[in-house]
Amino acid sequence: MVLHGLLPKPLPSNDVVVGQLLTHPLHPERDGFYSQKAHEAVDELNDYHIQLRYKDVFAADAEGRFMSSYGSKYELGRIYRQPNLLTVTAEQMIQRTSQRPRDAFNAVCNDPEAQQWIYNLAKQQQDFYVVVGITELHKAVFKRAKLRDAGASRSLHEAPLDKDARVPRALSRRNSTLGGLGSEPSISGVFGMDVRRCTARISTPAEPHKLEDIGYHWFYYDVSGSANKEQLIVGLGEPLKANELRLMLDLNEETVQGNLDAISQLSLDALSAAASPMLKPSSPALRGRSPSPHPQLKGIAQ
């Protein structure tokens, strides 16, 4: 099973959920909206896949951002020239994917609160994103990998990550719940997402579309209380590719603000508490417009 678009860094598993709107796909803590009203409709459209003893090979760029995943049955030619390879083994890989992203997005946008959140972004001419699929790894262990025999075979030589390893800091941070380097620390969280670019603007029924609207699937909502028959038009775009997500990670910002501190404490405690992941399709996630789950809503979906 192939990951969704590989994220350049892992995210906490309870920070993103299918159907969530975000202003930045790599920073769900900044601003987002999750429609509790559309929760059941979105979940009914989800497909689930669980794989035990998951294996993969990742490549990271010179700055340590995840760049590509090749699967356990990789093609030698694709990884031969990659200087920064990592093997990953995980106890579980869990995928949640919307079978009909347009319907799920429309269900979210039919929520008046979602429309108000999008309306405020449209007034600022700010685009946003919607999550329609996530890939979680539970207790993933990373090791440095090099091809044996100078690439004459597909065999990989594995070694523990060293302190200078160019990997996302969530993997290499010391004195955390991940464990110390060289002791095979494990990490759980979201490693892949199917995230779509969205755009919106305030218009009227008589106003024609623009050339830049091509490539989006459009939805139309009346603006209540408008004297000019305004409408909110919302466009759903194509999935972001792994390379696009990688280039969206501001490394300077990550270094200065230390936004990965919380990621060093990633866990799937809520998922582990359930008898089966299938019994809990949606982890507690961002509810409403708060940048973190509202205390009164933490019990939802339990």
Protein backbone atom coordinates (compact mmCIF):
# COMPACT_ATOMS: atom_id res chain seq x y z
CA MET A 1 0.00 0.00 0.00
CA VAL A 2 1.45 3.35 -1.07
CA LEU A 3 1.44 6.28 1.30
CA HIS A 4 -0.62 9.34 0.56
CA GLY A 5 1.48 12.37 -0.37
CA LEU A 6 4.53 11.91 1.90
CA LEU A 7 4.86 14.73 4.42
CA PRO A 8 8.30 16.28 4.88
CA LYS A 9 7.84 15.86 8.65
CA PRO A 10 5.43 13.74 10.69
CA LEU A 11 2.41 15.37 12.34
CA PRO A 12 0.64 14.44 15.58
CA SER A 13 -2.06 11.91 14.79
CA ASN A 14 -4.77 13.78 16.70
CA ASP A 15 -4.10 17.09 14.91
CA VAL A 16 -5.50 16.13 11.50
CA VAL A 17 -8.59 14.23 10.41
CA VAL A 18 -10.36 13.57 7.12
CA GLY A 19 -12.69 16.46 6.34
CA GLN A 20 -10.62 19.09 8.16
CA LEU A 21 -9.99 22.51 6.63
CA LEU A 22 -6.54 24.05 7.19
CA THR A 23 -4.80 27.28 6.32
CA HIS A 24 -1.47 25.43 6.17
CA PRO A 25 -1.23 21.65 5.63
CA LEU A 26 1.98 21.30 7.65
CA HIS A 27 0.81 23.48 10.54
CA PRO A 28 -2.64 22.32 11.64
CA GLU A 29 -2.11 24.11 14.95
CA ARG A 30 -2.25 27.54 13.31
CA ASP A 31 -5.84 27.71 12.14
CA GLY A 32 -8.39 25.22 10.92
CA PHE A 33 -12.00 24.16 11.00
CA TYR A 34 -13.63 20.80 11.52
CA SER A 35 -17.36 20.51 10.97
CA GLN A 36 -19.02 18.52 13.72
CA LYS A 37 -22.27 18.88 11.78
CA ALA A 38 -20.76 17.06 8.77
CA HIS A 39 -18.83 14.54 10.88
CA GLU A 40 -21.06 11.52 10.19
CA ALA A 41 -21.50 12.31 6.48
CA VAL A 42 -17.73 12.59 6.01
CA ASP A 43 -16.99 9.41 7.97
CA GLU A 44 -19.52 7.40 5.97
CA LEU A 45 -17.54 8.18 2.82
CA ASN A 46 -14.25 6.98 4.30
CA ASP A 47 -12.49 3.78 3.31
CA TYR A 48 -10.07 2.17 5.76
CA HIS A 49 -6.98 0.06 5.28
CA ILE A 50 -4.86 -1.44 8.03
CA GLN A 51 -1.56 -3.18 7.41
CA LEU A 52 0.45 -4.91 10.11
CA ARG A 53 4.26 -5.05 10.12
CA TYR A 54 4.52 -2.27 7.55
CA LYS A 55 7.86 -1.74 5.76
CA ASP A 56 9.07 1.06 3.52
CA VAL A 57 12.14 2.91 2.28
CA PHE A 58 12.22 6.69 2.58
CA ALA A 59 14.56 9.23 1.02
CA ALA A 60 15.34 12.52 2.75
CA ASP A 61 16.80 15.62 1.16
CA ALA A 62 19.94 17.47 2.26
CA GLU A 63 17.94 19.43 4.86
CA GLY A 64 16.46 16.29 6.40
CA ARG A 65 12.95 16.60 4.99
CA PHE A 66 11.25 13.42 3.85
CA MET A 67 11.26 13.49 0.07
CA SER A 68 10.02 10.16 -1.35
CA SER A 69 8.78 6.75 -0.28
CA TYR A 70 9.52 3.70 -2.40
CA GLY A 71 7.80 0.81 -0.64
CA SER A 72 9.38 -2.43 0.54
CA LYS A 73 9.51 -3.75 -3.04
CA TYR A 74 11.37 -0.79 -4.44
CA GLU A 75 12.94 -0.48 -7.87
CA LEU A 76 16.73 -0.44 -7.65
CA GLY A 77 17.03 2.26 -10.30
CA ARG A 78 14.84 4.66 -8.33
CA ILE A 79 16.89 4.57 -5.15
CA TYR A 80 20.36 3.95 -6.63
CA ARG A 81 21.41 7.61 -6.63
CA GLN A 82 19.65 8.64 -3.42
CA PRO A 83 22.34 9.56 -0.85
CA ASN A 84 20.07 9.78 2.21
CA LEU A 85 18.03 6.57 2.50
CA LEU A 86 16.11 5.36 5.53
CA THR A 87 14.32 2.10 6.18
CA VAL A 88 11.15 2.24 8.23
CA THR A 89 9.30 -0.58 9.94
CA ALA A 90 6.06 0.03 11.81
CA GLU A 91 3.74 -2.13 13.88
CA GLN A 92 0.76 -0.76 11.98
CA MET A 93 -0.04 1.42 9.01
CA ILE A 94 -3.57 2.85 9.07
CA GLN A 95 -5.04 4.68 6.09
CA ARG A 96 -8.27 6.65 6.01
CA THR A 97 -9.32 7.83 2.57
CA SER A 98 -12.47 9.54 1.37
CA GLN A 99 -13.98 7.52 -1.46
CA ARG A 100 -15.72 10.61 -2.81
CA PRO A 101 -13.69 13.71 -1.89
CA ARG A 102 -16.07 16.10 -3.67
CA ASP A 103 -19.06 14.85 -1.72
CA ALA A 104 -17.13 15.00 1.54
CA PHE A 105 -15.97 18.54 0.81
CA ASN A 106 -19.48 19.61 -0.14
CA ALA A 107 -20.83 18.14 3.10
CA VAL A 108 -18.32 20.22 5.08
CA CYS A 109 -19.05 23.37 3.12
CA ASN A 110 -22.80 22.98 3.65
CA ASP A 111 -22.19 23.72 7.32
CA PRO A 112 -22.99 27.45 7.86
CA GLU A 113 -20.08 27.73 10.30
CA ALA A 114 -17.72 26.36 7.66
CA GLN A 115 -19.09 28.86 5.15
CA GLN A 116 -18.42 31.69 7.60
CA TRP A 117 -14.86 30.46 8.17
CA ILE A 118 -14.26 30.24 4.40
CA TYR A 119 -15.98 33.61 3.85
CA ASN A 120 -13.51 35.31 6.20
CA LEU A 121 -10.60 33.78 4.28
CA ALA A 122 -12.14 34.84 0.96
CA LYS A 123 -12.30 38.45 2.13
CA GLN A 124 -8.56 38.23 2.81
CA GLN A 125 -7.97 36.46 -0.53
CA GLN A 126 -6.38 33.59 1.38
CA ASP A 127 -6.46 30.05 0.01
CA PHE A 128 -6.87 27.02 2.24
CA TYR A 129 -6.70 23.22 2.15
CA VAL A 130 -8.88 20.22 2.91
CA VAL A 131 -7.67 16.83 4.16
CA VAL A 132 -9.35 13.92 2.35
CA GLY A 133 -6.94 11.14 3.32
CA ILE A 134 -4.35 10.40 5.99
CA THR A 135 -1.73 7.68 6.51
CA GLU A 136 -0.64 6.96 10.06
CA LEU A 137 2.29 4.84 11.19
CA HIS A 138 2.21 3.34 14.67
CA LYS A 139 5.55 2.71 16.42
CA ALA A 140 7.69 3.33 13.36
CA VAL A 141 11.43 2.65 13.68
CA PHE A 142 13.88 4.36 11.31
CA LYS A 143 17.39 3.24 10.40
CA ARG A 144 20.08 4.52 8.09
CA ALA A 145 20.23 2.47 4.87
CA LYS A 146 22.86 2.00 2.17
CA LEU A 147 22.90 -0.30 -0.82
CA ARG A 148 25.26 -3.23 -0.49
CA ASP A 149 27.72 -4.09 -3.25
CA ALA A 150 27.59 -0.55 -4.63
CA GLY A 151 24.11 -1.22 -5.95
CA ALA A 152 24.96 -4.53 -7.61
CA SER A 153 22.07 -6.04 -5.66
CA ARG A 154 18.88 -4.83 -4.00
CA SER A 155 20.19 -5.64 -0.52
CA LEU A 156 20.34 -2.83 2.01
CA HIS A 157 22.76 -2.45 4.89
CA GLU A 158 21.04 -0.92 7.93
CA ALA A 159 22.57 1.01 10.82
CA PRO A 160 21.14 3.06 13.71
CA LEU A 161 20.65 6.78 13.11
CA ASP A 162 23.66 8.77 14.23
CA LYS A 163 23.48 12.15 15.94
CA ASP A 164 24.27 13.99 12.71
CA ALA A 165 21.60 12.19 10.69
CA ARG A 166 19.76 14.45 8.30
CA VAL A 167 16.22 13.53 9.21
CA PRO A 168 13.17 15.41 10.54
CA ARG A 169 13.93 16.55 14.06
CA ALA A 170 11.06 14.51 15.44
CA LEU A 171 13.15 11.43 14.68
CA SER A 172 16.45 12.69 16.07
CA ARG A 173 15.47 14.67 19.17
CA ARG A 174 17.07 13.45 22.37
CA ASN A 175 15.60 13.29 25.86
CA SER A 176 12.09 12.67 24.59
CA THR A 177 9.56 9.88 24.49
CA LEU A 178 11.15 8.82 21.20
CA GLY A 179 14.16 7.49 23.03
CA GLY A 180 17.82 8.23 22.47
CA LEU A 181 19.67 7.90 19.21
CA GLY A 182 21.07 4.46 18.59
CA SER A 183 18.42 2.75 20.71
CA GLU A 184 15.92 2.30 17.89
CA PRO A 185 13.44 4.98 19.02
CA SER A 186 9.94 4.61 17.63
CA ILE A 187 7.53 7.32 16.62
CA SER A 188 3.82 7.35 15.85
CA GLY A 189 1.96 9.93 13.82
CA VAL A 190 0.71 11.05 10.42
CA PHE A 191 3.32 10.55 7.69
CA GLY A 192 1.17 10.99 4.59
CA MET A 193 -1.87 13.05 3.60
CA ASP A 194 -4.15 13.45 0.62
CA VAL A 195 -4.60 17.19 0.96
CA ARG A 196 -6.28 19.33 -1.70
CA ARG A 197 -5.72 22.99 -2.44
CA CYS A 198 -8.92 25.03 -2.12
CA THR A 199 -9.80 28.58 -3.05
CA ALA A 200 -12.82 30.79 -2.50
CA ARG A 201 -14.08 34.25 -3.35
CA ILE A 202 -17.17 36.37 -2.94
CA SER A 203 -19.01 36.82 -6.22
CA THR A 204 -22.45 37.20 -7.78
CA PRO A 205 -24.36 34.73 -9.99
CA ALA A 206 -23.81 37.00 -13.01
CA GLU A 207 -20.03 37.18 -12.61
CA PRO A 208 -18.19 34.79 -14.96
CA HIS A 209 -15.39 32.49 -13.89
CA LYS A 210 -11.73 33.37 -14.47
CA LEU A 211 -9.05 31.50 -16.36
CA GLU A 212 -7.32 30.56 -13.12
CA ASP A 213 -10.52 28.77 -12.06
CA ILE A 214 -9.75 25.96 -14.49
CA GLY A 215 -8.75 22.80 -12.68
CA TYR A 216 -11.06 23.37 -9.69
CA HIS A 217 -14.44 21.80 -9.00
CA TRP A 218 -16.76 24.59 -7.89
CA PHE A 219 -19.52 24.84 -5.31
CA TYR A 220 -21.84 27.81 -4.82
CA TYR A 221 -23.46 29.07 -1.61
CA ASP A 222 -25.71 32.07 -1.09
CA VAL A 223 -24.46 34.68 1.38
CA SER A 224 -27.25 35.24 3.87
CA GLY A 225 -28.21 38.82 4.56
CA SER A 226 -26.54 40.15 1.41
CA ALA A 227 -28.33 42.99 -0.34
CA ASN A 228 -26.44 42.39 -3.60
CA LYS A 229 -27.24 38.66 -3.91
CA GLU A 230 -23.65 37.78 -3.12
CA GLN A 231 -22.57 34.20 -3.29
CA LEU A 232 -19.60 32.37 -1.89
CA ILE A 233 -17.95 30.24 -4.56
CA VAL A 234 -15.57 27.56 -3.31
CA GLY A 235 -13.19 25.55 -5.51
CA LEU A 236 -11.72 22.12 -4.75
CA GLY A 237 -8.39 21.52 -6.48
CA GLU A 238 -6.07 18.60 -7.14
CA PRO A 239 -4.00 16.75 -4.50
CA LEU A 240 -0.71 18.31 -3.44
CA LYS A 241 2.28 16.20 -4.43
CA ALA A 242 4.97 15.15 -1.98
CA ASN A 243 7.46 17.58 -3.51
CA GLU A 244 4.99 20.47 -3.14
CA LEU A 245 4.50 19.62 0.51
CA ARG A 246 8.25 19.36 1.02
CA LEU A 247 8.85 22.84 -0.39
CA MET A 248 6.14 24.26 1.89
CA LEU A 249 8.15 23.44 5.00
CA ASP A 250 9.90 26.59 6.18
CA LEU A 251 13.12 25.26 7.69
CA ASN A 252 14.13 28.59 9.24
CA GLU A 253 10.80 28.86 10.97
CA GLU A 254 11.06 25.30 12.21
CA THR A 255 14.47 26.08 13.71
CA VAL A 256 13.52 29.38 15.33
CA GLN A 257 10.10 28.56 16.72
CA GLY A 258 10.70 24.90 17.51
CA ASN A 259 7.31 23.82 16.24
CA LEU A 260 8.39 20.19 16.34
CA ASP A 261 8.70 20.07 20.13
CA ALA A 262 5.27 18.57 20.51
CA ILE A 263 5.92 16.05 17.76
CA SER A 264 8.62 14.42 19.87
CA GLN A 265 5.78 13.25 22.09
CA LEU A 266 3.64 11.78 19.34
CA SER A 267 1.53 8.80 20.23
CA LEU A 268 -1.52 6.89 19.13
CA ASP A 269 -2.77 6.34 22.69
CA ALA A 270 -6.37 6.91 21.68
CA LEU A 271 -6.04 4.42 18.84
CA SER A 272 -4.31 1.85 21.02
CA ALA A 273 -7.05 2.12 23.63
CA ALA A 274 -9.64 0.94 21.16
CA ALA A 275 -10.14 -2.78 20.72
CA SER A 276 -9.69 -2.28 16.97
CA PRO A 277 -8.77 0.78 14.89
CA MET A 278 -11.85 -0.01 12.78
CA LEU A 279 -14.02 0.76 15.77
CA LYS A 280 -12.61 4.24 15.96
CA PRO A 281 -12.50 5.75 12.46
CA SER A 282 -11.81 9.30 13.64
CA SER A 283 -9.37 10.21 16.38
CA PRO A 284 -10.19 13.25 18.51
CA ALA A 285 -9.23 16.17 16.31
CA LEU A 286 -9.62 19.87 15.76
CA ARG A 287 -13.20 20.80 16.46
CA GLY A 288 -14.65 24.13 15.46
CA ARG A 289 -12.23 26.97 14.89
CA SER A 290 -10.02 26.43 17.89
CA PRO A 291 -6.37 25.64 17.04
CA SER A 292 -6.61 22.68 19.41
CA PRO A 293 -9.44 20.38 20.55
CA HIS A 294 -11.92 22.10 22.84
CA PRO A 295 -11.84 20.48 26.30
CA GLN A 296 -15.56 19.74 26.18
CA LEU A 297 -15.21 17.96 22.87
CA LYS A 298 -12.35 15.63 23.73
CA GLY A 299 -14.80 12.85 24.46
CA ILE A 300 -16.41 12.99 21.00
CA ALA A 301 -16.04 9.84 18.87
CA GLN A 302 -14.92 7.82 21.83
